[in-house]
Amino acid sequence: MPSKVVAVCKDELRLRNCGMGHLPAEEFVKSQWQSRTKSTIFLLYRLALAIFFTAVVTNSIVVSVTSEDWAKYFIYLTHWGILMCMATSLVGAALVARWYFHPEYSDKICNCEEMPRAFKVYWMMHNITLILSICITIIYWAILHNAEMVVDANNILIHATNCVFMLLDLVIVAYPVRIWHVIQPICFGLLFCLFSVVYFLCGGTDKKGRPFIYNVLDWRAPGKSMVTVVGTIVLAVMTHVLMFFLYKLRTFLYVRYFNPKPILPTNSTLNLQPGKDGISMVYGQHNQGFTNTEKY
């Protein structure tokens, strides 16, 4: 078993897996578990997920407006994360809907030799959102949460259900996780880090008037803040690797239990009938490919 894991990792870490190309491209608009080319159930799931995250964002904005300075809604990584959940699910729903309702588009996707740009953007968004949601949930409940913070519906929606639904999404979808793509959520996190520095230098405060966004990212103590940054990067890498193995487990279970190998027909299972020139025909169909129609 360890040797197999090492072999899988070596193959995954090849440079060809650094980019955003993947074929067949239709895996980005399919579920791992669907049996038909187009799935109504998967389309409804995509639409439901987009509606759910849109409702969560709307609710969190309403709560923020009624309880604090609404402009400070956008300074928190939690809200960046839930906005990414909404954007990713909306793009995913749009791609699946177009695939489902437009035959010309689906034919184009099936026959393409390079993954469409929209699929690459969506893949990157999903990579970022998945790791961001999990890291936000872990950091919030393990480090940031205290007895003063109310555990209400909004708190659960933006600090727990985002993680649960993104994990569920990874189990449902058909496209892969690439280890090298961990750089994408890391870059997104560093972007927020840069924003927090600029916000601090401009005199920005949190909703309680303190000169930082999070107490673990207080740039008055840069050493402490850098420990937080490095620790978060390590957490993101570990989480991404775990998601890679979850993807491998998903494909293993699919191949093992839901994708039986086709059984080749034998003479005992075919209805053979004599055809022209002594060539047999299957199920009474005249097979032009095996019939000699010209005399030499």
Protein backbone atom coordinates (compact mmCIF):
# COMPACT_ATOMS: atom_id res chain seq x y z
CA MET A 1 0.00 0.00 0.00
CA PRO A 2 2.71 2.61 0.83
CA SER A 3 4.44 1.87 -2.48
CA LYS A 4 1.18 2.47 -4.35
CA VAL A 5 0.69 5.80 -2.58
CA VAL A 6 4.23 6.85 -3.49
CA ALA A 7 3.66 5.82 -7.11
CA VAL A 8 0.43 7.82 -7.27
CA CYS A 9 2.15 10.90 -5.83
CA LYS A 10 5.11 10.61 -8.23
CA ASP A 11 2.78 10.40 -11.20
CA GLU A 12 0.69 13.32 -9.93
CA LEU A 13 3.73 15.55 -9.37
CA ARG A 14 4.80 15.41 -13.02
CA LEU A 15 5.07 18.82 -14.61
CA ARG A 16 2.29 18.00 -17.08
CA ASN A 17 -0.15 18.30 -14.17
CA CYS A 18 0.84 21.89 -13.36
CA GLY A 19 -1.40 23.52 -15.93
CA MET A 20 -5.14 23.92 -16.26
CA GLY A 21 -5.66 21.54 -19.14
CA HIS A 22 -7.77 18.40 -18.73
CA LEU A 23 -9.58 16.13 -21.13
CA PRO A 24 -12.30 15.04 -21.55
CA ALA A 25 -13.60 18.52 -20.83
CA GLU A 26 -17.17 17.31 -20.31
CA GLU A 27 -16.14 15.99 -16.89
CA PHE A 28 -16.57 19.57 -15.65
CA VAL A 29 -20.29 19.49 -16.41
CA LYS A 30 -20.94 15.93 -15.24
CA SER A 31 -21.25 14.07 -11.98
CA GLN A 32 -18.90 11.19 -11.24
CA TRP A 33 -21.96 9.05 -10.58
CA GLN A 34 -24.27 9.80 -13.50
CA SER A 35 -24.87 7.03 -16.02
CA ARG A 36 -26.12 9.16 -18.92
CA THR A 37 -24.42 11.88 -20.92
CA LYS A 38 -26.75 14.51 -19.45
CA SER A 39 -28.22 14.24 -15.98
CA THR A 40 -31.34 16.11 -14.87
CA ILE A 41 -30.54 15.30 -11.25
CA PHE A 42 -27.06 16.84 -11.53
CA LEU A 43 -28.50 19.94 -13.20
CA LEU A 44 -31.02 20.37 -10.38
CA TYR A 45 -28.25 19.85 -7.83
CA ARG A 46 -26.12 22.55 -9.44
CA LEU A 47 -29.04 24.99 -9.50
CA ALA A 48 -29.96 24.19 -5.89
CA LEU A 49 -26.37 24.74 -4.72
CA ALA A 50 -26.20 28.10 -6.51
CA ILE A 51 -29.50 29.20 -4.98
CA PHE A 52 -28.40 28.06 -1.53
CA PHE A 53 -25.11 29.98 -1.53
CA THR A 54 -26.81 33.06 -2.99
CA ALA A 55 -29.30 32.93 -0.12
CA VAL A 56 -26.48 32.50 2.42
CA VAL A 57 -24.65 35.56 1.07
CA THR A 58 -27.85 37.61 1.01
CA ASN A 59 -28.64 36.64 4.59
CA SER A 60 -25.11 37.43 5.80
CA ILE A 61 -25.22 40.88 4.17
CA VAL A 62 -28.60 41.63 5.75
CA VAL A 63 -27.30 40.56 9.17
CA SER A 64 -24.18 42.69 8.70
CA VAL A 65 -26.15 45.77 7.64
CA THR A 66 -28.50 45.55 10.62
CA SER A 67 -25.81 44.91 13.24
CA GLU A 68 -22.70 46.85 12.20
CA ASP A 69 -21.09 49.11 9.63
CA TRP A 70 -22.11 47.38 6.38
CA ALA A 71 -18.96 48.49 4.53
CA LYS A 72 -16.83 46.37 6.88
CA TYR A 73 -18.62 43.28 5.64
CA PHE A 74 -16.03 43.03 2.88
CA ILE A 75 -12.92 43.14 5.10
CA TYR A 76 -13.36 39.64 6.54
CA LEU A 77 -11.92 36.50 4.96
CA THR A 78 -15.05 34.60 5.99
CA HIS A 79 -17.14 36.83 3.73
CA TRP A 80 -14.59 36.56 0.93
CA GLY A 81 -14.97 32.81 1.25
CA ILE A 82 -18.75 32.74 1.15
CA LEU A 83 -18.76 35.15 -1.81
CA MET A 84 -16.42 32.73 -3.59
CA CYS A 85 -18.82 29.89 -2.78
CA MET A 86 -21.64 31.84 -4.40
CA ALA A 87 -19.61 32.84 -7.46
CA THR A 88 -18.25 29.32 -8.00
CA SER A 89 -21.66 27.67 -7.66
CA LEU A 90 -23.26 30.20 -10.02
CA VAL A 91 -20.61 29.63 -12.69
CA GLY A 92 -20.90 25.87 -12.24
CA ALA A 93 -24.69 26.02 -12.61
CA ALA A 94 -24.42 28.18 -15.74
CA LEU A 95 -21.96 25.77 -17.39
CA VAL A 96 -24.07 22.70 -16.61
CA ALA A 97 -27.27 24.42 -17.77
CA ARG A 98 -25.67 25.40 -21.06
CA TRP A 99 -24.34 21.85 -21.50
CA TYR A 100 -27.79 20.42 -20.74
CA PHE A 101 -29.96 22.68 -22.91
CA HIS A 102 -27.70 23.41 -25.93
CA PRO A 103 -26.81 20.35 -28.07
CA GLU A 104 -24.42 22.34 -30.27
CA TYR A 105 -22.46 23.46 -27.22
CA SER A 106 -22.31 19.95 -25.76
CA ASP A 107 -21.10 18.55 -29.10
CA LYS A 108 -18.40 21.21 -29.19
CA ILE A 109 -17.26 20.31 -25.67
CA CYS A 110 -17.20 16.59 -26.44
CA ASN A 111 -15.06 17.11 -29.54
CA CYS A 112 -12.72 19.82 -28.26
CA GLU A 113 -8.99 19.08 -28.14
CA GLU A 114 -8.28 21.80 -25.57
CA MET A 115 -10.28 22.64 -22.47
CA PRO A 116 -12.40 25.81 -22.92
CA ARG A 117 -11.26 28.91 -21.05
CA ALA A 118 -14.51 29.10 -19.07
CA PHE A 119 -13.84 25.62 -17.71
CA LYS A 120 -10.32 26.60 -16.69
CA VAL A 121 -11.63 29.64 -14.81
CA TYR A 122 -14.27 27.53 -13.09
CA TRP A 123 -11.72 24.86 -12.13
CA MET A 124 -9.47 27.49 -10.56
CA MET A 125 -12.42 29.01 -8.69
CA HIS A 126 -13.42 25.59 -7.36
CA ASN A 127 -9.84 24.84 -6.24
CA ILE A 128 -9.71 28.12 -4.31
CA THR A 129 -13.20 27.86 -2.84
CA LEU A 130 -12.80 24.27 -1.65
CA ILE A 131 -9.58 24.86 0.30
CA LEU A 132 -10.64 28.31 1.48
CA SER A 133 -13.92 26.99 2.91
CA ILE A 134 -12.22 24.19 4.83
CA CYS A 135 -9.43 26.41 6.19
CA ILE A 136 -11.91 29.11 7.25
CA THR A 137 -13.97 26.54 9.16
CA ILE A 138 -10.93 25.02 10.89
CA ILE A 139 -9.33 28.36 11.84
CA TYR A 140 -12.57 29.93 13.02
CA TRP A 141 -13.69 27.13 15.32
CA ALA A 142 -10.20 26.17 16.50
CA ILE A 143 -8.67 29.64 17.04
CA LEU A 144 -10.97 32.62 16.54
CA HIS A 145 -14.23 31.57 18.15
CA ASN A 146 -14.81 32.48 21.79
CA ALA A 147 -17.65 32.57 24.29
CA GLU A 148 -18.61 36.14 23.30
CA MET A 149 -19.45 35.08 19.76
CA VAL A 150 -23.05 34.03 19.23
CA VAL A 151 -23.57 30.67 17.54
CA ASP A 152 -26.64 31.52 15.48
CA ALA A 153 -27.91 30.40 12.08
CA ASN A 154 -25.82 32.95 10.18
CA ASN A 155 -22.67 31.91 12.04
CA ILE A 156 -23.25 28.25 11.20
CA LEU A 157 -24.04 29.01 7.57
CA ILE A 158 -20.85 30.98 6.89
CA HIS A 159 -18.47 29.03 9.13
CA ALA A 160 -19.63 25.42 8.77
CA THR A 161 -22.11 24.65 6.00
CA ASN A 162 -19.80 26.22 3.41
CA CYS A 163 -17.19 23.59 4.26
CA VAL A 164 -19.74 20.75 4.33
CA PHE A 165 -21.26 21.60 0.96
CA MET A 166 -17.92 22.12 -0.77
CA LEU A 167 -16.74 18.72 0.50
CA LEU A 168 -19.98 17.19 -0.73
CA ASP A 169 -19.44 18.87 -4.09
CA LEU A 170 -16.00 17.30 -4.42
CA VAL A 171 -17.54 13.87 -3.86
CA ILE A 172 -20.21 14.49 -6.52
CA VAL A 173 -18.28 16.10 -9.39
CA ALA A 174 -16.30 14.19 -12.02
CA TYR A 175 -13.23 16.38 -12.54
CA PRO A 176 -9.90 15.82 -10.76
CA VAL A 177 -7.88 17.52 -8.03
CA ARG A 178 -4.28 18.35 -8.95
CA ILE A 179 -1.70 18.68 -6.18
CA TRP A 180 0.14 21.45 -8.02
CA HIS A 181 -3.02 23.55 -7.99
CA VAL A 182 -2.50 24.21 -4.28
CA ILE A 183 -0.71 27.35 -5.40
CA GLN A 184 -4.10 28.85 -6.35
CA PRO A 185 -5.68 28.95 -2.86
CA ILE A 186 -2.30 29.97 -1.42
CA CYS A 187 -2.15 32.96 -3.78
CA PHE A 188 -5.72 33.88 -2.85
CA GLY A 189 -4.78 33.75 0.84
CA LEU A 190 -1.70 35.90 0.22
CA LEU A 191 -3.92 38.40 -1.59
CA PHE A 192 -6.03 38.71 1.56
CA CYS A 193 -2.84 39.01 3.61
CA LEU A 194 -1.68 41.90 1.41
CA PHE A 195 -5.11 43.50 1.74
CA SER A 196 -4.91 43.26 5.55
CA VAL A 197 -1.51 45.00 5.52
CA VAL A 198 -2.75 47.83 3.31
CA TYR A 199 -5.93 48.11 5.39
CA PHE A 200 -3.84 48.38 8.57
CA LEU A 201 -1.50 51.01 7.08
CA CYS A 202 -4.52 53.05 6.00
CA GLY A 203 -5.84 53.10 9.57
CA GLY A 204 -8.58 50.53 9.05
CA THR A 205 -10.33 48.93 12.01
CA ASP A 206 -12.56 45.92 12.65
CA LYS A 207 -16.23 46.20 13.59
CA LYS A 208 -15.25 46.92 17.22
CA GLY A 209 -12.85 49.71 16.28
CA ARG A 210 -9.65 47.71 16.85
CA PRO A 211 -6.72 48.34 14.46
CA PHE A 212 -6.79 44.90 12.84
CA ILE A 213 -9.18 42.57 11.03
CA TYR A 214 -8.34 39.50 13.11
CA ASN A 215 -6.36 39.45 16.34
CA VAL A 216 -4.11 36.72 14.92
CA LEU A 217 -3.34 39.03 11.99
CA ASP A 218 -2.44 42.16 13.96
CA TRP A 219 0.33 43.90 12.00
CA ARG A 220 1.41 45.88 15.05
CA ALA A 221 3.13 42.58 15.89
CA PRO A 222 4.43 41.47 12.47
CA GLY A 223 6.24 38.44 13.86
CA LYS A 224 3.02 37.00 15.27
CA SER A 225 1.19 37.80 12.05
CA MET A 226 3.82 36.04 9.93
CA VAL A 227 3.48 32.93 12.09
CA THR A 228 -0.24 33.02 11.29
CA VAL A 229 0.47 33.40 7.57
CA VAL A 230 2.97 30.54 7.45
CA GLY A 231 0.75 28.31 9.56
CA THR A 232 -2.21 28.98 7.28
CA ILE A 233 -0.13 28.10 4.21
CA VAL A 234 0.88 24.80 5.82
CA LEU A 235 -2.77 24.11 6.67
CA ALA A 236 -3.79 24.87 3.08
CA VAL A 237 -1.16 22.48 1.68
CA MET A 238 -2.17 19.69 4.04
CA THR A 239 -5.85 20.23 3.27
CA HIS A 240 -5.24 20.23 -0.47
CA VAL A 241 -3.29 16.96 -0.31
CA LEU A 242 -6.13 15.40 1.68
CA MET A 243 -8.59 16.59 -0.97
CA PHE A 244 -6.41 14.97 -3.63
CA PHE A 245 -6.64 11.61 -1.86
CA LEU A 246 -10.39 12.10 -1.38
CA TYR A 247 -10.64 12.57 -5.15
CA LYS A 248 -8.61 9.38 -5.67
CA LEU A 249 -10.90 7.52 -3.27
CA ARG A 250 -13.91 8.81 -5.19
CA THR A 251 -12.60 7.53 -8.51
CA PHE A 252 -11.54 4.22 -6.94
CA LEU A 253 -15.03 3.61 -5.55
CA TYR A 254 -16.60 4.54 -8.86
CA VAL A 255 -14.42 2.17 -10.89
CA ARG A 256 -14.71 -0.60 -8.32
CA TYR A 257 -18.44 -0.56 -7.65
CA PHE A 258 -20.28 1.64 -10.16
CA ASN A 259 -18.48 1.15 -13.47
CA PRO A 260 -18.59 -2.58 -14.31
CA LYS A 261 -16.48 -3.76 -17.22
CA PRO A 262 -18.50 -4.57 -20.34
CA ILE A 263 -19.05 -8.27 -20.99
CA LEU A 264 -17.97 -9.25 -24.49
CA PRO A 265 -20.60 -11.35 -26.30
CA THR A 266 -19.86 -14.97 -27.17
CA ASN A 267 -21.38 -17.33 -29.70
CA SER A 268 -23.71 -18.64 -27.01
CA THR A 269 -25.18 -15.17 -26.43
CA LEU A 270 -25.50 -14.04 -30.05
CA ASN A 271 -28.37 -14.78 -32.37
CA LEU A 272 -26.36 -15.82 -35.42
CA GLN A 273 -28.01 -16.16 -38.80
CA PRO A 274 -26.43 -17.20 -42.08
CA GLY A 275 -25.61 -14.30 -44.35
CA LYS A 276 -24.38 -13.82 -47.86
CA ASP A 277 -21.25 -15.65 -48.99
CA GLY A 278 -21.19 -17.74 -45.85
CA ILE A 279 -20.69 -14.77 -43.52
CA SER A 280 -22.82 -14.78 -40.36
CA MET A 281 -25.02 -11.86 -39.45
CA VAL A 282 -25.76 -10.76 -35.89
CA TYR A 283 -29.43 -10.32 -34.93
CA GLY A 284 -30.40 -10.61 -38.60
CA GLN A 285 -28.57 -7.41 -39.64
CA HIS A 286 -26.70 -7.51 -42.92
CA ASN A 287 -23.12 -6.47 -42.15
CA GLN A 288 -21.68 -4.69 -45.16
CA GLY A 289 -18.25 -4.63 -43.56
CA PHE A 290 -17.96 -8.40 -43.74
CA THR A 291 -19.88 -9.17 -46.93
CA ASN A 292 -18.11 -9.68 -50.22
CA THR A 293 -20.30 -7.93 -52.78
CA GLU A 294 -17.83 -7.84 -55.68
CA LYS A 295 -16.38 -10.73 -57.65
CA TYR A 296 -12.73 -10.56 -58.56
